Amino acid sequence: MLKPGDEDAPTVITVEGAWGSGKSTLLELVKNGLTTPPAEVAQDRRFTVFAADRLLWRPQPKKPPKVEPTKIKPLSRPLVVSFNPWRHQSSEQVWAGLAKAVAEAAEAAMLPHQNTRERYWFRRNAVRVDRRHLQRQLWRRTLSPFLTLAGLGFGVSVLNALSKLDLGWAWWVTVGLTTAGVLHTGWRYFFARASAFLPGELFAGPVVSNAFAATTTDPLIRDPYYNARAGYLYLVQHDVEALVKDLAASHHELIVLIDDLDRCTPRTTAQVFEAINVFLSDDFPATRFVLGLDTTVVAAHVDNAYRELADAKIVTHPDDPSPGWTFLRKLVQLPVRLPRTTADNVDQVLLAQLGPVHGDEPVAVQGDDQATVRDGGDEGLHDFIQIQPEYIAIEHHPEVREHLRHRLRAQPEQSVREEKRLLNVWQFYLRVLDTADAGEACHLVAVAEIATRWPAYLHRLRGGWQDLADAVDDDVQWGATIAKLGFAYSDRKAAANLRELLRDCDAQAVAVLANRLF
């Protein structure tokens, strides 16, 4: 579905699923599967002051220059850019972050060498700054300091001639300094890098006007193009457009992966969609977007950001409950719904997180008192905590493993991320209490489940664990106990689920452990 060069391929693809369903993992797999090696570009000559001076002398072209042709096969190759809009809160920030991500990826693909990169960005920026002012400053900065000393020597020689002082050596010093200054200036002009004498922004990316820059840039960079148009947002869009066109000219097709869109604010979500709409206009070459999102959350964000549309009761698709859903319907060309995590996936999570059950595979031990962490649990606490062998034995114990399997299957909503979070907490509690007893380890599963399923109620439960254990089998006593602990009528579902958990285990033993941990 992401085959480069296929004009009929979908432009906007969504990877849809609830939080923790694996959207980020799938996007990472897509990125790894579409990795593009750097272009085979010959090493360019050093971009010298002479070359920069020639570019500044040329008449200003109507369009930004394109990257020099490279020995690339005609078939387009995918260039994957990962962009996370979560940290951006405005149009300017969204576009600045997107432009930075595209520029970095484009440099790696089109401009693998420093000389080529400096020449490319300078040629592009030269059409947008005060070129004559910049050229004069380039000449001034290229002049050797020896010429300044030669000027002082000339003054001393003139003073010697007027005052008839015996300073005959002054002329020879002046001639020597002048000769050295001319040679040094010539070497600088024809052989030194232009980047050594001009602001670094000119060679590292699009220049940013002082009127919009977050930090102070070199006063040499005057950018009338920025100020003459609609400001910063227009300029950044123009930069991205030009860069994408250069990518297309060098036979690269841009694929933008956008993750965590459902974690952004409604305004940021809307700004990302507006940016995508700009890309989908006729001015931009074909660009593919792959979005990881929870459609329910994102549709609500769109409704919130464009509340006036919802308030005006704009006609939506007859099958959609709100304008946000209709917006997604019109924008997304290929929705990919991730399969729902079920109880059947519990064994896979346990195997990946804790390894095989004891007896199926021996546990590797290093030295006398520490064991090697097993492969597969790369996101668990045991990746960075040195694990004692007795803890590993507990994690591999058949009875403990069966109890973990039972409790994970009993979760109201199956999510790999939530299951791994519960296992991480349980492993942590094992080490805090320094226990090697299988029965106690099973009771700790319930404690870890309470901590991960009901974190909002832990402050109410503190000090009331024993009362809950005593009341778990008596309806009247249970109701009085949870009321005493501050559970309101709206909390009745959480209280009922907590009671069901305590009934499924040894409530007295769980209360003892909870009092020790909380």
Protein backbone atom coordinates (compact mmCIF):
# COMPACT_ATOMS: atom_id res chain seq x y z
CA MET A 1 0.00 0.00 0.00
CA LEU A 2 3.03 2.27 0.29
CA LYS A 3 4.61 1.30 -2.99
CA PRO A 4 6.60 4.32 -4.26
CA GLY A 5 5.60 5.77 -7.58
CA ASP A 6 2.05 4.43 -7.46
CA GLU A 7 -0.08 7.50 -8.10
CA ASP A 8 -3.28 5.62 -7.27
CA ALA A 9 -2.04 4.52 -3.84
CA PRO A 10 -3.88 5.99 -0.84
CA THR A 11 -2.47 9.30 0.34
CA VAL A 12 -3.74 9.33 3.94
CA ILE A 13 -3.66 6.05 5.86
CA THR A 14 -4.70 5.67 9.49
CA VAL A 15 -3.59 2.97 11.90
CA GLU A 16 -6.52 2.90 14.30
CA GLY A 17 -6.79 1.40 17.74
CA ALA A 18 -7.28 2.16 21.40
CA TRP A 19 -4.49 3.27 23.72
CA GLY A 20 -1.95 0.47 24.12
CA SER A 21 -3.16 -1.52 21.11
CA GLY A 22 0.20 -1.37 19.31
CA LYS A 23 -0.13 1.59 16.94
CA SER A 24 3.36 2.93 17.71
CA THR A 25 4.88 -0.52 17.29
CA LEU A 26 3.27 -0.95 13.88
CA LEU A 27 4.43 2.51 12.73
CA GLU A 28 7.96 1.64 13.84
CA LEU A 29 7.79 -1.59 11.83
CA VAL A 30 6.66 0.39 8.79
CA LYS A 31 9.54 2.81 9.25
CA ASN A 32 12.11 0.02 9.59
CA GLY A 33 10.68 -1.77 6.56
CA LEU A 34 10.95 1.35 4.36
CA THR A 35 14.44 2.47 5.36
CA THR A 36 16.13 4.23 2.44
CA PRO A 37 19.95 4.27 2.17
CA PRO A 38 21.63 7.63 1.46
CA ALA A 39 21.78 8.71 -2.15
CA GLU A 40 24.93 7.85 -4.06
CA VAL A 41 26.16 11.43 -4.46
CA ALA A 42 29.76 12.10 -5.39
CA GLN A 43 31.78 14.13 -2.91
CA ASP A 44 31.38 17.80 -3.90
CA ARG A 45 34.17 20.34 -3.87
CA ARG A 46 34.61 22.51 -0.81
CA PHE A 47 32.16 25.39 -0.85
CA THR A 48 34.62 28.26 -0.74
CA VAL A 49 34.29 32.02 -0.32
CA PHE A 50 34.86 32.36 -4.08
CA ALA A 51 31.93 30.04 -4.84
CA ALA A 52 29.68 31.90 -2.38
CA ASP A 53 30.69 35.25 -3.89
CA ARG A 54 29.79 34.02 -7.38
CA LEU A 55 26.37 32.87 -6.19
CA LEU A 56 25.72 36.23 -4.55
CA TRP A 57 26.66 38.05 -7.77
CA ARG A 58 24.16 36.12 -9.87
CA PRO A 59 20.75 37.67 -10.54
CA GLN A 60 18.08 36.48 -8.15
CA PRO A 61 16.20 33.51 -9.71
CA LYS A 62 12.42 33.42 -9.67
CA LYS A 63 12.34 30.02 -7.95
CA PRO A 64 14.62 28.44 -5.39
CA PRO A 65 17.33 26.34 -7.05
CA LYS A 66 16.92 22.61 -7.12
CA VAL A 67 19.41 20.09 -5.92
CA GLU A 68 21.98 19.07 -8.53
CA PRO A 69 21.14 15.90 -10.46
CA THR A 70 22.49 12.75 -8.87
CA LYS A 71 23.06 9.26 -10.11
CA ILE A 72 19.71 7.96 -8.88
CA LYS A 73 17.61 5.30 -10.52
CA PRO A 74 14.37 6.66 -12.05
CA LEU A 75 12.26 4.54 -9.69
CA SER A 76 11.16 6.61 -6.68
CA ARG A 77 12.40 5.47 -3.31
CA PRO A 78 10.49 6.02 -0.07
CA LEU A 79 11.82 8.56 2.40
CA VAL A 80 10.19 8.02 5.79
CA VAL A 81 9.87 10.94 8.22
CA SER A 82 8.63 10.41 11.77
CA PHE A 83 6.81 13.36 13.31
CA ASN A 84 5.32 13.49 16.80
CA PRO A 85 3.08 16.56 17.18
CA TRP A 86 2.49 15.99 20.89
CA ARG A 87 4.92 18.71 22.01
CA HIS A 88 3.60 21.36 19.62
CA GLN A 89 0.76 23.68 20.57
CA SER A 90 0.32 26.14 17.68
CA SER A 91 0.40 26.35 13.89
CA GLU A 92 3.90 27.82 13.94
CA GLN A 93 5.21 25.08 16.22
CA VAL A 94 3.55 22.30 14.24
CA TRP A 95 4.95 23.54 10.95
CA ALA A 96 8.37 24.28 12.43
CA GLY A 97 8.58 20.76 13.88
CA LEU A 98 7.39 19.19 10.63
CA ALA A 99 9.81 21.27 8.57
CA LYS A 100 12.70 20.28 10.84
CA ALA A 101 11.83 16.58 10.57
CA VAL A 102 11.54 16.75 6.77
CA ALA A 103 14.77 18.75 6.42
CA GLU A 104 16.77 16.31 8.55
CA ALA A 105 15.48 13.31 6.61
CA ALA A 106 16.04 15.05 3.26
CA GLU A 107 19.61 15.94 4.16
CA ALA A 108 20.40 12.33 5.03
CA ALA A 109 18.88 11.13 1.73
CA MET A 110 19.92 13.84 -0.76
CA LEU A 111 22.88 15.57 0.87
CA PRO A 112 25.05 12.99 2.64
CA HIS A 113 28.22 15.12 2.38
CA GLN A 114 28.92 18.36 4.22
CA ASN A 115 30.12 20.21 1.11
CA THR A 116 26.96 19.32 -0.83
CA ARG A 117 24.78 20.29 2.13
CA GLU A 118 26.43 23.68 2.57
CA ARG A 119 26.16 24.49 -1.12
CA TYR A 120 22.50 23.45 -1.30
CA TRP A 121 21.30 25.50 1.68
CA PHE A 122 23.35 28.55 0.73
CA ARG A 123 21.94 28.53 -2.82
CA ARG A 124 18.43 28.28 -1.43
CA ASN A 125 18.91 30.96 1.23
CA ALA A 126 20.77 33.37 -1.08
CA VAL A 127 17.54 34.23 -2.89
CA ARG A 128 15.83 35.28 0.34
CA VAL A 129 18.34 37.52 2.13
CA ASP A 130 19.81 40.94 1.45
CA ARG A 131 22.42 39.57 -0.92
CA ARG A 132 24.38 42.78 -1.51
CA HIS A 133 24.69 43.51 2.20
CA LEU A 134 25.75 39.92 2.82
CA GLN A 135 28.29 40.08 0.00
CA ARG A 136 29.89 43.23 1.34
CA GLN A 137 30.21 41.65 4.77
CA LEU A 138 31.72 38.54 3.19
CA TRP A 139 34.41 40.62 1.53
CA ARG A 140 35.14 42.49 4.75
CA ARG A 141 35.38 39.31 6.82
CA THR A 142 37.59 37.60 4.24
CA LEU A 143 40.25 40.33 4.41
CA SER A 144 43.31 39.18 6.32
CA PRO A 145 44.18 40.83 9.65
CA PHE A 146 47.69 41.26 8.24
CA LEU A 147 46.32 44.04 6.01
CA THR A 148 45.20 45.93 9.11
CA LEU A 149 48.70 45.63 10.52
CA ALA A 150 50.09 46.72 7.16
CA GLY A 151 47.94 49.86 7.39
CA LEU A 152 49.43 50.61 10.79
CA GLY A 153 52.90 50.03 9.38
CA PHE A 154 52.15 52.43 6.54
CA GLY A 155 51.13 55.09 9.04
CA VAL A 156 54.37 54.57 10.94
CA SER A 157 56.34 54.88 7.67
CA VAL A 158 54.58 58.15 6.77
CA LEU A 159 55.25 59.48 10.27
CA ASN A 160 58.90 58.49 9.86
CA ALA A 161 59.14 60.39 6.55
CA LEU A 162 57.54 63.52 7.97
CA SER A 163 59.47 63.60 11.21
CA LYS A 164 62.77 62.37 9.73
CA LEU A 165 63.03 59.63 12.35
CA ASP A 166 65.52 56.86 11.74
CA LEU A 167 62.86 54.14 11.17
CA GLY A 168 63.89 52.84 7.76
CA TRP A 169 62.79 49.33 8.67
CA ALA A 170 59.15 50.50 8.81
CA TRP A 171 58.81 50.40 4.98
CA TRP A 172 60.10 46.87 4.82
CA VAL A 173 57.73 45.77 7.58
CA THR A 174 54.83 47.42 5.75
CA VAL A 175 55.72 45.73 2.48
CA GLY A 176 56.06 42.39 4.22
CA LEU A 177 52.76 42.69 6.05
CA THR A 178 51.02 43.83 2.86
CA THR A 179 52.38 40.87 0.92
CA ALA A 180 51.38 38.45 3.67
CA GLY A 181 47.93 40.05 3.89
CA VAL A 182 47.34 39.79 0.15
CA LEU A 183 48.46 36.16 0.06
CA HIS A 184 46.42 35.28 3.15
CA THR A 185 43.34 37.04 1.75
CA GLY A 186 43.76 35.23 -1.56
CA TRP A 187 44.03 31.88 0.23
CA ARG A 188 40.90 32.65 2.23
CA TYR A 189 39.00 33.74 -0.86
CA PHE A 190 39.83 30.77 -3.07
CA PHE A 191 40.36 27.91 -0.61
CA ALA A 192 38.66 28.59 2.77
CA ARG A 193 35.10 27.50 3.52
CA ALA A 194 32.48 30.21 3.17
CA SER A 195 30.81 28.89 6.33
CA ALA A 196 33.82 30.13 8.32
CA PHE A 197 32.98 33.76 7.49
CA LEU A 198 29.18 33.85 7.30
CA PRO A 199 26.38 32.95 9.76
CA GLY A 200 26.00 29.22 10.21
CA GLU A 201 22.22 29.39 9.63
CA LEU A 202 22.86 30.01 5.94
CA PHE A 203 24.47 26.59 5.56
CA ALA A 204 22.40 24.46 7.93
CA GLY A 205 18.80 25.01 6.80
CA PRO A 206 16.26 27.68 5.87
CA VAL A 207 17.09 31.03 7.41
CA VAL A 208 14.69 32.42 10.00
CA SER A 209 13.81 36.08 10.15
CA ASN A 210 14.62 38.02 13.30
CA ALA A 211 10.96 39.01 13.49
CA PHE A 212 9.91 35.42 14.15
CA ALA A 213 12.99 33.65 15.46
CA ALA A 214 12.80 32.10 18.91
CA THR A 215 16.43 33.01 19.45
CA THR A 216 18.51 35.89 18.12
CA THR A 217 20.08 35.14 14.74
CA ASP A 218 23.05 36.87 13.14
CA PRO A 219 22.16 40.47 12.17
CA LEU A 220 23.68 39.82 8.75
CA ILE A 221 20.67 37.71 7.83
CA ARG A 222 18.02 40.08 6.58
CA ASP A 223 15.07 38.29 5.09
CA PRO A 224 12.68 40.58 3.21
CA TYR A 225 10.91 37.54 1.75
CA TYR A 226 9.74 36.54 5.23
CA ASN A 227 8.45 39.98 6.09
CA ALA A 228 6.85 40.70 2.72
CA ARG A 229 4.57 37.69 2.88
CA ALA A 230 2.11 36.36 5.45
CA GLY A 231 4.85 35.84 7.98
CA TYR A 232 6.49 32.85 9.54
CA LEU A 233 3.79 30.29 8.75
CA TYR A 234 3.80 31.11 5.04
CA LEU A 235 7.56 30.92 4.90
CA VAL A 236 7.84 27.55 6.60
CA GLN A 237 5.17 26.14 4.30
CA HIS A 238 7.13 27.53 1.37
CA ASP A 239 10.33 25.91 2.67
CA VAL A 240 8.68 22.53 3.07
CA GLU A 241 7.09 22.75 -0.36
CA ALA A 242 10.42 23.57 -2.03
CA LEU A 243 12.16 20.79 -0.13
CA VAL A 244 9.52 18.20 -1.07
CA LYS A 245 9.81 19.25 -4.72
CA ASP A 246 13.57 18.77 -4.55
CA LEU A 247 13.00 15.33 -3.04
CA ALA A 248 10.69 14.46 -5.94
CA ALA A 249 13.30 15.73 -8.42
CA SER A 250 15.87 13.39 -6.86
CA HIS A 251 13.40 10.48 -7.09
CA HIS A 252 12.38 10.29 -3.43
CA GLU A 253 8.79 9.97 -2.29
CA LEU A 254 8.02 11.43 1.11
CA ILE A 255 6.12 9.28 3.63
CA VAL A 256 5.27 11.04 6.90
CA LEU A 257 4.47 8.92 9.97
CA ILE A 258 2.50 10.86 12.60
CA ASP A 259 2.03 9.18 15.97
CA ASP A 260 0.27 10.07 19.23
CA LEU A 261 -2.22 12.34 17.50
CA ASP A 262 -4.88 11.27 19.99
CA ARG A 263 -2.70 12.57 22.85
CA CYS A 264 -2.55 16.12 21.50
CA THR A 265 -4.83 18.98 22.42
CA PRO A 266 -7.83 19.58 20.15
CA ARG A 267 -6.19 22.68 18.70
CA THR A 268 -2.95 20.86 17.88
CA THR A 269 -4.87 17.97 16.32
CA ALA A 270 -6.70 20.43 14.08
CA GLN A 271 -3.43 22.14 13.13
CA VAL A 272 -1.92 18.80 12.08
CA PHE A 273 -4.93 18.09 9.86
CA GLU A 274 -4.67 21.56 8.37
CA ALA A 275 -1.00 20.91 7.58
CA ILE A 276 -1.95 17.64 5.89
CA ASN A 277 -4.55 19.50 3.82
CA VAL A 278 -1.84 21.90 2.64
CA PHE A 279 0.26 18.93 1.54
CA LEU A 280 -2.72 17.49 -0.34
CA SER A 281 -3.06 20.66 -2.41
CA ASP A 282 -1.91 20.75 -6.02
CA ASP A 283 1.28 22.68 -5.17
CA PHE A 284 2.93 19.82 -3.28
CA PRO A 285 4.29 16.66 -4.92
CA ALA A 286 2.61 13.42 -3.87
CA THR A 287 3.18 12.84 -0.16
CA ARG A 288 1.88 9.90 1.85
CA PHE A 289 0.71 10.22 5.46
CA VAL A 290 0.36 7.36 7.93
CA LEU A 291 -1.40 8.42 11.14
CA GLY A 292 -1.57 6.47 14.38
CA LEU A 293 -4.71 7.49 16.27
CA ASP A 294 -7.73 6.53 18.29
CA THR A 295 -10.59 7.62 16.02
CA THR A 296 -13.01 8.24 18.88
CA VAL A 297 -10.63 10.66 20.61
CA VAL A 298 -9.53 12.40 17.42
CA ALA A 299 -13.08 12.87 16.16
CA ALA A 300 -13.93 14.48 19.52
CA HIS A 301 -10.87 16.74 19.16
CA VAL A 302 -12.01 17.86 15.72
CA ASP A 303 -15.51 18.56 17.04
CA ASN A 304 -14.00 20.61 19.88
CA ALA A 305 -11.62 22.57 17.63
CA TYR A 306 -14.37 23.36 15.12
CA ARG A 307 -17.15 23.73 17.64
CA GLU A 308 -18.87 26.37 15.53
CA LEU A 309 -19.55 23.73 12.87
CA ALA A 310 -21.13 21.39 15.39
CA ASP A 311 -23.13 24.25 16.95
CA ALA A 312 -24.37 25.30 13.50
CA LYS A 313 -25.58 21.74 12.93
CA ILE A 314 -23.66 21.43 9.68
CA VAL A 315 -24.96 18.52 7.66
CA THR A 316 -22.76 15.50 8.14
CA HIS A 317 -22.68 12.09 6.54
CA PRO A 318 -25.92 10.29 7.41
CA ASP A 319 -23.98 7.50 9.12
CA ASP A 320 -21.78 9.82 11.22
CA PRO A 321 -22.71 11.10 14.69
CA SER A 322 -20.78 14.39 14.41
CA PRO A 323 -18.79 16.58 11.95
CA GLY A 324 -15.51 15.19 13.34
CA TRP A 325 -16.33 11.72 12.06
CA THR A 326 -17.30 13.14 8.66
CA PHE A 327 -14.03 15.06 8.54
CA LEU A 328 -12.09 11.82 9.08
CA ARG A 329 -14.23 10.09 6.47
CA LYS A 330 -13.31 12.67 3.85
CA LEU A 331 -9.62 12.89 4.77
CA VAL A 332 -8.69 9.24 5.33
CA GLN A 333 -8.44 7.04 2.26
CA LEU A 334 -7.36 3.80 3.90
CA PRO A 335 -8.29 3.13 7.54
CA VAL A 336 -6.43 0.15 9.03
CA ARG A 337 -8.04 -1.11 12.23
CA LEU A 338 -5.72 -3.02 14.54
CA PRO A 339 -7.11 -6.31 15.84
CA ARG A 340 -8.48 -6.23 19.36
CA THR A 341 -6.32 -7.70 22.10
CA THR A 342 -8.08 -10.68 23.68
CA ALA A 343 -7.50 -13.11 26.52
CA ASP A 344 -5.89 -15.45 24.00
CA ASN A 345 -2.90 -13.08 23.85
CA VAL A 346 -2.13 -13.43 27.58
CA ASP A 347 0.23 -16.40 27.12
CA GLN A 348 2.26 -14.46 24.55
CA VAL A 349 2.59 -11.49 26.90
CA LEU A 350 3.67 -13.71 29.80
CA LEU A 351 6.23 -15.51 27.68
CA ALA A 352 7.67 -12.26 26.33
CA GLN A 353 7.75 -10.56 29.73
CA LEU A 354 8.75 -13.38 32.08
CA GLY A 355 10.17 -16.12 29.88
CA PRO A 356 9.13 -19.80 29.83
CA VAL A 357 7.62 -21.65 32.78
CA HIS A 358 10.15 -23.35 35.04
CA GLY A 359 11.06 -26.75 33.67
CA ASP A 360 10.59 -25.83 30.03
CA GLU A 361 13.89 -24.01 29.76
CA PRO A 362 16.78 -23.68 32.26
CA VAL A 363 17.47 -20.29 33.83
CA ALA A 364 20.93 -18.96 33.04
CA VAL A 365 22.90 -17.87 36.11
CA GLN A 366 25.99 -15.68 36.26
CA GLY A 367 28.25 -16.26 39.22
CA ASP A 368 26.83 -17.35 42.55
CA ASP A 369 24.06 -14.89 43.20
CA GLN A 370 22.82 -13.26 40.01
CA ALA A 371 21.07 -14.45 36.87
CA THR A 372 20.99 -13.25 33.30
CA VAL A 373 17.89 -11.43 32.11
CA ARG A 374 15.90 -13.42 29.57
CA ASP A 375 15.30 -12.28 25.99
CA GLY A 376 11.86 -10.96 25.10
CA GLY A 377 11.09 -8.82 28.15
CA ASP A 378 12.88 -5.79 26.82
CA GLU A 379 10.34 -3.35 28.19
CA GLY A 380 10.12 -4.76 31.72
CA LEU A 381 11.88 -3.65 34.85
CA HIS A 382 14.21 -6.62 34.64
CA ASP A 383 15.99 -4.92 31.70
CA PHE A 384 17.75 -2.54 34.07
CA ILE A 385 17.57 -4.20 37.48
CA GLN A 386 19.95 -6.98 38.40
CA ILE A 387 17.69 -9.88 39.25
CA GLN A 388 18.31 -12.40 42.01
CA PRO A 389 17.84 -16.06 40.99
CA GLU A 390 15.11 -16.67 43.58
CA TYR A 391 12.98 -13.97 41.93
CA ILE A 392 13.45 -15.62 38.56
CA ALA A 393 12.44 -18.95 40.05
CA ILE A 394 9.22 -17.37 41.33
CA GLU A 395 8.49 -15.81 37.93
CA HIS A 396 8.96 -19.24 36.32
CA HIS A 397 7.00 -21.17 38.96
CA PRO A 398 4.09 -23.09 37.34
CA GLU A 399 1.59 -22.20 40.09
CA VAL A 400 2.48 -18.52 40.01
CA ARG A 401 2.38 -18.46 36.23
CA GLU A 402 -1.06 -20.05 36.18
CA HIS A 403 -2.33 -17.48 38.69
CA LEU A 404 -0.94 -14.65 36.56
CA ARG A 405 -2.59 -16.12 33.49
CA HIS A 406 -5.92 -16.35 35.34
CA ARG A 407 -5.84 -12.74 36.55
CA LEU A 408 -4.72 -11.32 33.20
CA ARG A 409 -7.54 -13.13 31.43
CA ALA A 410 -9.99 -11.68 33.97
CA GLN A 411 -9.18 -8.05 33.06
CA PRO A 412 -12.27 -6.13 31.84
CA GLU A 413 -10.39 -4.75 28.82
CA GLN A 414 -7.53 -6.61 27.20
CA SER A 415 -4.53 -4.41 26.38
CA VAL A 416 -0.94 -5.56 25.97
CA ARG A 417 0.33 -2.33 27.48
CA GLU A 418 -1.89 -2.66 30.56
CA GLU A 419 -0.93 -6.31 31.01
CA LYS A 420 2.77 -5.45 30.86
CA ARG A 421 2.24 -2.61 33.31
CA LEU A 422 0.63 -5.00 35.81
CA LEU A 423 3.52 -7.45 35.41
CA ASN A 424 6.08 -4.68 35.90
CA VAL A 425 4.40 -3.58 39.15
CA TRP A 426 4.17 -7.19 40.36
CA GLN A 427 7.89 -7.77 39.65
CA PHE A 428 8.71 -4.58 41.52
CA TYR A 429 6.69 -5.65 44.58
CA LEU A 430 8.46 -9.04 44.59
CA ARG A 431 11.76 -7.26 45.02
CA VAL A 432 10.50 -4.69 47.51
CA LEU A 433 9.22 -7.41 49.87
CA ASP A 434 12.15 -9.70 49.01
CA THR A 435 9.88 -12.72 48.88
CA ALA A 436 10.61 -16.14 47.43
CA ASP A 437 7.35 -17.80 48.51
CA ALA A 438 5.05 -18.87 45.66
CA GLY A 439 1.88 -18.35 47.70
CA GLU A 440 2.86 -14.83 48.70
CA ALA A 441 3.82 -14.09 45.08
CA CYS A 442 0.30 -15.07 44.02
CA HIS A 443 -1.22 -12.74 46.62
CA LEU A 444 1.02 -9.94 45.33
CA VAL A 445 -0.60 -10.31 41.91
CA ALA A 446 -3.86 -9.03 43.43
CA VAL A 447 -2.03 -6.13 45.12
CA ALA A 448 -0.38 -5.18 41.80
CA GLU A 449 -3.73 -5.42 40.02
CA ILE A 450 -5.34 -3.07 42.54
CA ALA A 451 -2.49 -0.58 42.11
CA THR A 452 -2.76 -0.57 38.31
CA ARG A 453 -6.55 -0.86 37.86
CA TRP A 454 -7.68 1.62 40.54
CA PRO A 455 -4.91 4.19 41.10
CA ALA A 456 -7.52 6.91 41.64
CA TYR A 457 -8.84 5.11 44.75
CA LEU A 458 -5.59 4.09 46.46
CA HIS A 459 -5.61 7.12 48.76
CA ARG A 460 -9.07 6.09 50.01
CA LEU A 461 -8.08 2.47 50.54
CA ARG A 462 -5.01 3.30 52.62
CA GLY A 463 -5.69 2.14 56.17
CA GLY A 464 -8.86 0.28 55.22
CA TRP A 465 -7.46 -2.90 53.75
CA GLN A 466 -8.31 -5.07 56.75
CA ASP A 467 -11.86 -3.71 56.93
CA LEU A 468 -12.38 -4.56 53.26
CA ALA A 469 -11.05 -8.09 53.77
CA ASP A 470 -13.38 -8.62 56.73
CA ALA A 471 -16.43 -7.31 54.87
CA VAL A 472 -15.91 -8.95 51.47
CA ASP A 473 -18.51 -11.71 52.08
CA ASP A 474 -21.16 -9.57 53.83
CA ASP A 475 -23.23 -7.25 51.64
CA VAL A 476 -24.31 -4.92 54.47
CA GLN A 477 -20.86 -4.71 56.02
CA TRP A 478 -19.28 -4.18 52.58
CA GLY A 479 -21.59 -1.28 51.81
CA ALA A 480 -20.85 0.35 55.16
CA THR A 481 -17.12 -0.13 54.70
CA ILE A 482 -16.85 1.41 51.25
CA ALA A 483 -19.07 4.30 52.36
CA LYS A 484 -16.74 4.86 55.30
CA LEU A 485 -13.76 4.87 52.91
CA GLY A 486 -15.38 7.61 50.83
CA PHE A 487 -16.78 5.69 47.87
CA ALA A 488 -19.72 7.62 46.39
CA TYR A 489 -22.64 6.29 44.39
CA SER A 490 -20.74 7.08 41.19
CA ASP A 491 -17.92 4.80 42.38
CA ARG A 492 -20.15 1.77 42.80
CA LYS A 493 -18.84 0.00 39.69
CA ALA A 494 -15.22 0.32 40.84
CA ALA A 495 -16.20 -0.92 44.31
CA ALA A 496 -18.03 -3.92 42.84
CA ASN A 497 -15.03 -4.86 40.67
CA LEU A 498 -12.70 -4.53 43.66
CA ARG A 499 -14.92 -6.81 45.71
CA GLU A 500 -14.98 -9.37 42.90
CA LEU A 501 -11.16 -9.37 42.84
CA LEU A 502 -10.90 -9.84 46.62
CA ARG A 503 -13.36 -12.72 46.47
CA ASP A 504 -11.25 -14.40 43.81
CA CYS A 505 -8.17 -14.47 46.06
CA ASP A 506 -7.23 -14.69 49.72
CA ALA A 507 -8.52 -11.29 50.87
CA GLN A 508 -6.88 -11.53 54.31
CA ALA A 509 -3.44 -12.26 52.83
CA VAL A 510 -3.87 -9.46 50.28
CA ALA A 511 -4.76 -7.02 53.06
CA VAL A 512 -1.61 -7.89 55.00
CA LEU A 513 0.59 -7.33 51.94
CA ALA A 514 -1.23 -4.12 50.97
CA ASN A 515 -0.70 -2.68 54.45
CA ARG A 516 3.04 -3.34 54.07
CA LEU A 517 3.28 -1.75 50.62
CA PHE A 518 0.91 1.23 50.85
